[in-house]
Amino acid sequence: MQGILYEETSVLSFLFLTVVLGGGTAWMTGRACARTWKPVAVLILYVLLLGAAVRFIHYAVFGGTLLSAQYYIADTIILMIIGLVAFRFTRTDQMVSQYYWLYTRSGPLSWREIG
């Protein structure tokens, strides 16, 4: 996996920075976009910028490569998945709580019409 997803000598630094810190930020970004009824396209733009910020922190703290398309894409895909799951989870909660007479929860990330 080293060399494909991350370039640091330890997988723990990758997991901490990309998954824990970056993922937590992506989760909060997805949640904020859903709570303010923004479209998914806005979330995607924010996560692309967040991916660049995470790549910069990899460079500044761990001495990674700043301008590496491979590692930027790997970081951004992980952040995008987390952000989109948070968006969908929050949007589902909104739909079933605000429109309870129209929709019911059919899973953690989906809703369906009543009737």
N, C-alpha and C. Protein backbone atom coordinates (compact mmCIF):
# COMPACT_ATOMS: atom_id res chain seq x y z
N MET A 1 0.82 -1.20 0.00
CA MET A 1 0.00 0.00 0.00
C MET A 1 0.86 1.26 0.00
N GLN A 2 2.04 1.17 0.66
CA GLN A 2 2.91 2.34 0.66
C GLN A 2 3.36 2.59 -0.76
N GLY A 3 3.29 3.80 -1.17
CA GLY A 3 3.63 4.17 -2.53
C GLY A 3 2.42 4.30 -3.42
N ILE A 4 1.32 3.67 -3.04
CA ILE A 4 0.09 3.77 -3.83
C ILE A 4 -0.83 4.81 -3.20
N LEU A 5 -1.13 4.64 -1.91
CA LEU A 5 -2.02 5.57 -1.22
C LEU A 5 -1.27 6.65 -0.46
N TYR A 6 -0.11 6.32 0.06
CA TYR A 6 0.62 7.27 0.88
C TYR A 6 2.11 7.10 0.65
N GLU A 7 2.87 8.14 1.00
CA GLU A 7 4.30 8.09 0.80
C GLU A 7 5.10 8.16 2.09
N GLU A 8 4.44 8.36 3.22
CA GLU A 8 5.13 8.44 4.49
C GLU A 8 5.69 7.07 4.86
N THR A 9 6.62 7.08 5.81
CA THR A 9 7.21 5.81 6.24
C THR A 9 6.28 5.02 7.13
N SER A 10 5.31 5.67 7.74
CA SER A 10 4.39 5.00 8.64
C SER A 10 2.96 5.17 8.16
N VAL A 11 2.21 4.08 8.19
CA VAL A 11 0.80 4.14 7.81
C VAL A 11 0.01 4.93 8.86
N LEU A 12 0.51 4.99 10.08
CA LEU A 12 -0.19 5.73 11.14
C LEU A 12 -0.26 7.22 10.84
N SER A 13 0.80 7.78 10.29
CA SER A 13 0.75 9.21 9.96
C SER A 13 -0.26 9.47 8.85
N PHE A 14 -0.34 8.57 7.88
CA PHE A 14 -1.35 8.71 6.82
C PHE A 14 -2.76 8.59 7.40
N LEU A 15 -2.97 7.57 8.23
CA LEU A 15 -4.30 7.37 8.82
C LEU A 15 -4.70 8.55 9.70
N PHE A 16 -3.76 9.04 10.50
CA PHE A 16 -4.08 10.15 11.38
C PHE A 16 -4.41 11.41 10.59
N LEU A 17 -3.57 11.76 9.64
CA LEU A 17 -3.76 13.02 8.92
C LEU A 17 -4.91 12.96 7.92
N THR A 18 -4.93 11.95 7.08
CA THR A 18 -5.93 11.89 6.03
C THR A 18 -7.28 11.41 6.54
N VAL A 19 -7.26 10.30 7.27
CA VAL A 19 -8.54 9.70 7.66
C VAL A 19 -9.13 10.38 8.90
N VAL A 20 -8.33 10.61 9.94
CA VAL A 20 -8.88 11.17 11.17
C VAL A 20 -9.08 12.68 11.05
N LEU A 21 -8.02 13.43 10.80
CA LEU A 21 -8.17 14.89 10.73
C LEU A 21 -8.90 15.34 9.46
N GLY A 22 -8.42 14.89 8.31
CA GLY A 22 -9.08 15.27 7.05
C GLY A 22 -10.48 14.69 6.94
N GLY A 23 -10.64 13.44 7.37
CA GLY A 23 -11.95 12.80 7.33
C GLY A 23 -12.94 13.47 8.26
N GLY A 24 -12.49 13.87 9.42
CA GLY A 24 -13.37 14.60 10.34
C GLY A 24 -13.80 15.93 9.75
N THR A 25 -12.88 16.59 9.10
CA THR A 25 -13.21 17.86 8.45
C THR A 25 -14.16 17.63 7.27
N ALA A 26 -13.92 16.56 6.51
CA ALA A 26 -14.82 16.24 5.39
C ALA A 26 -16.21 15.89 5.91
N TRP A 27 -16.29 15.18 7.03
CA TRP A 27 -17.59 14.84 7.62
C TRP A 27 -18.35 16.11 8.00
N MET A 28 -17.65 17.04 8.66
CA MET A 28 -18.30 18.28 9.07
C MET A 28 -18.68 19.15 7.86
N THR A 29 -17.88 19.10 6.81
CA THR A 29 -18.19 19.85 5.60
C THR A 29 -19.42 19.29 4.92
N GLY A 30 -19.49 17.97 4.81
CA GLY A 30 -20.67 17.33 4.22
C GLY A 30 -21.92 17.61 5.02
N ARG A 31 -21.79 17.57 6.32
CA ARG A 31 -22.91 17.84 7.21
C ARG A 31 -23.38 19.30 7.08
N ALA A 32 -22.42 20.22 7.01
CA ALA A 32 -22.76 21.64 6.88
C ALA A 32 -23.44 21.93 5.55
N CYS A 33 -22.96 21.32 4.47
CA CYS A 33 -23.59 21.53 3.16
C CYS A 33 -25.01 20.99 3.16
N ALA A 34 -25.23 19.84 3.77
CA ALA A 34 -26.58 19.28 3.81
C ALA A 34 -27.50 20.11 4.68
N ARG A 35 -27.01 20.57 5.82
CA ARG A 35 -27.86 21.33 6.74
C ARG A 35 -28.27 22.69 6.18
N THR A 36 -27.48 23.24 5.29
CA THR A 36 -27.82 24.52 4.67
C THR A 36 -28.45 24.33 3.29
N TRP A 37 -28.81 23.11 2.95
CA TRP A 37 -29.50 22.74 1.72
C TRP A 37 -28.72 23.11 0.46
N LYS A 38 -27.40 23.05 0.54
CA LYS A 38 -26.57 23.30 -0.64
C LYS A 38 -26.56 22.03 -1.51
N PRO A 39 -26.35 22.18 -2.81
CA PRO A 39 -26.29 20.99 -3.67
C PRO A 39 -24.98 20.23 -3.48
N VAL A 40 -24.95 19.02 -3.97
CA VAL A 40 -23.77 18.17 -3.84
C VAL A 40 -22.57 18.78 -4.57
N ALA A 41 -22.80 19.52 -5.63
CA ALA A 41 -21.71 20.14 -6.39
C ALA A 41 -20.89 21.08 -5.51
N VAL A 42 -21.52 21.77 -4.60
CA VAL A 42 -20.80 22.67 -3.69
C VAL A 42 -19.92 21.84 -2.75
N LEU A 43 -20.45 20.74 -2.27
CA LEU A 43 -19.66 19.85 -1.42
C LEU A 43 -18.44 19.33 -2.17
N ILE A 44 -18.61 18.95 -3.40
CA ILE A 44 -17.49 18.43 -4.19
C ILE A 44 -16.40 19.50 -4.33
N LEU A 45 -16.79 20.73 -4.60
CA LEU A 45 -15.81 21.82 -4.69
C LEU A 45 -15.06 22.00 -3.37
N TYR A 46 -15.79 21.99 -2.26
CA TYR A 46 -15.16 22.14 -0.95
C TYR A 46 -14.19 21.00 -0.65
N VAL A 47 -14.57 19.79 -1.01
CA VAL A 47 -13.70 18.64 -0.73
C VAL A 47 -12.46 18.67 -1.63
N LEU A 48 -12.59 19.16 -2.84
CA LEU A 48 -11.40 19.31 -3.69
C LEU A 48 -10.40 20.28 -3.05
N LEU A 49 -10.91 21.36 -2.50
CA LEU A 49 -10.04 22.32 -1.79
C LEU A 49 -9.47 21.69 -0.51
N LEU A 50 -10.28 20.93 0.18
CA LEU A 50 -9.82 20.25 1.39
C LEU A 50 -8.73 19.24 1.07
N GLY A 51 -8.85 18.57 -0.06
CA GLY A 51 -7.80 17.64 -0.49
C GLY A 51 -6.46 18.35 -0.70
N ALA A 52 -6.51 19.55 -1.26
CA ALA A 52 -5.28 20.33 -1.43
C ALA A 52 -4.71 20.74 -0.08
N ALA A 53 -5.57 21.08 0.87
CA ALA A 53 -5.09 21.44 2.21
C ALA A 53 -4.46 20.26 2.92
N VAL A 54 -5.05 19.09 2.81
CA VAL A 54 -4.49 17.88 3.42
C VAL A 54 -3.15 17.54 2.77
N ARG A 55 -3.07 17.70 1.45
CA ARG A 55 -1.80 17.45 0.76
C ARG A 55 -0.71 18.41 1.25
N PHE A 56 -1.08 19.68 1.49
CA PHE A 56 -0.12 20.64 1.99
C PHE A 56 0.36 20.26 3.39
N ILE A 57 -0.53 19.79 4.24
CA ILE A 57 -0.12 19.38 5.58
C ILE A 57 0.79 18.16 5.52
N HIS A 58 0.53 17.23 4.60
CA HIS A 58 1.45 16.11 4.39
C HIS A 58 2.85 16.64 4.04
N TYR A 59 2.88 17.65 3.20
CA TYR A 59 4.16 18.25 2.79
C TYR A 59 4.83 18.99 3.94
N ALA A 60 4.07 19.81 4.65
CA ALA A 60 4.66 20.66 5.68
C ALA A 60 5.08 19.89 6.93
N VAL A 61 4.30 18.90 7.33
CA VAL A 61 4.58 18.20 8.58
C VAL A 61 5.45 16.96 8.37
N PHE A 62 5.12 16.18 7.34
CA PHE A 62 5.80 14.91 7.16
C PHE A 62 6.81 14.90 6.01
N GLY A 63 7.00 16.01 5.34
CA GLY A 63 7.98 16.10 4.27
C GLY A 63 7.56 15.37 3.02
N GLY A 64 6.27 15.23 2.79
CA GLY A 64 5.77 14.56 1.59
C GLY A 64 5.88 15.45 0.37
N THR A 65 5.50 14.90 -0.74
CA THR A 65 5.52 15.64 -2.00
C THR A 65 4.29 16.54 -2.08
N LEU A 66 4.52 17.82 -2.33
CA LEU A 66 3.40 18.76 -2.39
C LEU A 66 2.60 18.61 -3.67
N LEU A 67 3.25 18.64 -4.79
CA LEU A 67 2.57 18.61 -6.08
C LEU A 67 2.64 17.20 -6.69
N SER A 68 1.89 16.30 -6.09
CA SER A 68 1.81 14.93 -6.57
C SER A 68 0.36 14.61 -6.89
N ALA A 69 0.06 14.43 -8.16
CA ALA A 69 -1.32 14.15 -8.56
C ALA A 69 -1.81 12.83 -7.97
N GLN A 70 -0.95 11.84 -7.93
CA GLN A 70 -1.34 10.52 -7.42
C GLN A 70 -1.80 10.59 -5.96
N TYR A 71 -1.02 11.23 -5.11
CA TYR A 71 -1.36 11.29 -3.69
C TYR A 71 -2.50 12.27 -3.43
N TYR A 72 -2.58 13.33 -4.23
CA TYR A 72 -3.72 14.25 -4.10
C TYR A 72 -5.03 13.53 -4.43
N ILE A 73 -5.03 12.76 -5.50
CA ILE A 73 -6.22 12.02 -5.88
C ILE A 73 -6.59 10.99 -4.83
N ALA A 74 -5.59 10.28 -4.29
CA ALA A 74 -5.86 9.28 -3.25
C ALA A 74 -6.45 9.93 -2.01
N ASP A 75 -5.86 11.03 -1.56
CA ASP A 75 -6.39 11.74 -0.39
C ASP A 75 -7.80 12.27 -0.66
N THR A 76 -8.00 12.85 -1.82
CA THR A 76 -9.27 13.46 -2.15
C THR A 76 -10.38 12.42 -2.30
N ILE A 77 -10.08 11.26 -2.83
CA ILE A 77 -11.10 10.21 -2.95
C ILE A 77 -11.56 9.76 -1.57
N ILE A 78 -10.63 9.59 -0.65
CA ILE A 78 -11.00 9.21 0.72
C ILE A 78 -11.85 10.29 1.36
N LEU A 79 -11.45 11.54 1.21
CA LEU A 79 -12.22 12.65 1.78
C LEU A 79 -13.58 12.79 1.11
N MET A 80 -13.65 12.53 -0.19
CA MET A 80 -14.91 12.64 -0.92
C MET A 80 -15.90 11.59 -0.44
N ILE A 81 -15.44 10.38 -0.22
CA ILE A 81 -16.32 9.32 0.27
C ILE A 81 -16.89 9.70 1.63
N ILE A 82 -16.03 10.15 2.52
CA ILE A 82 -16.48 10.53 3.87
C ILE A 82 -17.45 11.71 3.80
N GLY A 83 -17.14 12.72 2.99
CA GLY A 83 -18.00 13.89 2.87
C GLY A 83 -19.36 13.56 2.27
N LEU A 84 -19.39 12.69 1.25
CA LEU A 84 -20.65 12.33 0.63
C LEU A 84 -21.51 11.47 1.54
N VAL A 85 -20.90 10.59 2.32
CA VAL A 85 -21.66 9.79 3.29
C VAL A 85 -22.27 10.70 4.35
N ALA A 86 -21.50 11.66 4.83
CA ALA A 86 -22.02 12.60 5.82
C ALA A 86 -23.16 13.43 5.25
N PHE A 87 -23.01 13.87 4.00
CA PHE A 87 -24.05 14.65 3.34
C PHE A 87 -25.34 13.85 3.25
N ARG A 88 -25.22 12.62 2.78
CA ARG A 88 -26.42 11.78 2.60
C ARG A 88 -27.06 11.41 3.94
N PHE A 89 -26.24 11.13 4.95
CA PHE A 89 -26.74 10.80 6.28
C PHE A 89 -27.53 11.97 6.86
N THR A 90 -26.97 13.17 6.74
CA THR A 90 -27.64 14.37 7.26
C THR A 90 -28.88 14.71 6.45
N ARG A 91 -28.80 14.57 5.13
CA ARG A 91 -29.97 14.87 4.29
C ARG A 91 -31.11 13.90 4.58
N THR A 92 -30.79 12.64 4.82
CA THR A 92 -31.82 11.66 5.18
C THR A 92 -32.49 12.06 6.48
N ASP A 93 -31.69 12.45 7.45
CA ASP A 93 -32.24 12.88 8.73
C ASP A 93 -33.14 14.10 8.57
N GLN A 94 -32.73 15.03 7.71
CA GLN A 94 -33.54 16.22 7.45
C GLN A 94 -34.87 15.86 6.81
N MET A 95 -34.83 15.01 5.82
CA MET A 95 -36.04 14.68 5.07
C MET A 95 -37.06 13.97 5.95
N VAL A 96 -36.61 13.03 6.78
CA VAL A 96 -37.58 12.28 7.59
C VAL A 96 -38.03 13.05 8.81
N SER A 97 -37.28 14.06 9.25
CA SER A 97 -37.73 14.83 10.41
C SER A 97 -38.54 16.06 9.99
N GLN A 98 -38.19 16.70 8.90
CA GLN A 98 -38.93 17.90 8.48
C GLN A 98 -40.16 17.57 7.65
N TYR A 99 -40.13 16.48 6.95
CA TYR A 99 -41.27 16.06 6.12
C TYR A 99 -41.75 14.69 6.58
N TYR A 100 -42.04 14.56 7.85
CA TYR A 100 -42.39 13.27 8.44
C TYR A 100 -43.70 12.72 7.89
N TRP A 101 -44.56 13.56 7.35
CA TRP A 101 -45.82 13.08 6.80
C TRP A 101 -45.64 12.56 5.36
N LEU A 102 -44.51 12.84 4.74
CA LEU A 102 -44.26 12.38 3.38
C LEU A 102 -43.25 11.24 3.29
N TYR A 103 -42.23 11.25 4.18
CA TYR A 103 -41.12 10.31 4.04
C TYR A 103 -40.86 9.57 5.33
N THR A 104 -40.34 8.36 5.16
CA THR A 104 -39.88 7.56 6.29
C THR A 104 -38.49 7.03 5.95
N ARG A 105 -37.72 6.78 6.96
CA ARG A 105 -36.35 6.30 6.77
C ARG A 105 -36.38 4.85 6.29
N SER A 106 -35.64 4.57 5.23
CA SER A 106 -35.53 3.19 4.74
C SER A 106 -34.13 2.63 4.93
N GLY A 107 -33.27 3.40 5.55
CA GLY A 107 -31.89 3.01 5.83
C GLY A 107 -31.15 4.22 6.36
N PRO A 108 -29.91 4.05 6.73
CA PRO A 108 -29.18 5.19 7.27
C PRO A 108 -28.89 6.28 6.23
N LEU A 109 -28.91 5.91 4.95
CA LEU A 109 -28.59 6.88 3.90
C LEU A 109 -29.71 7.08 2.89
N SER A 110 -30.93 6.62 3.22
CA SER A 110 -32.01 6.75 2.25
C SER A 110 -33.36 6.90 2.95
N TRP A 111 -34.31 7.40 2.18
CA TRP A 111 -35.67 7.54 2.65
C TRP A 111 -36.62 7.12 1.54
N ARG A 112 -37.87 6.89 1.90
CA ARG A 112 -38.88 6.52 0.90
C ARG A 112 -40.18 7.21 1.24
N GLU A 113 -41.05 7.29 0.25
CA GLU A 113 -42.34 7.92 0.46
C GLU A 113 -43.23 7.00 1.30
N ILE A 114 -44.07 7.61 2.11
CA ILE A 114 -45.03 6.85 2.90
C ILE A 114 -46.22 6.54 2.02
N GLY A 115 -46.68 5.34 2.09
CA GLY A 115 -47.89 4.98 1.37
C GLY A 115 -47.62 4.13 0.25
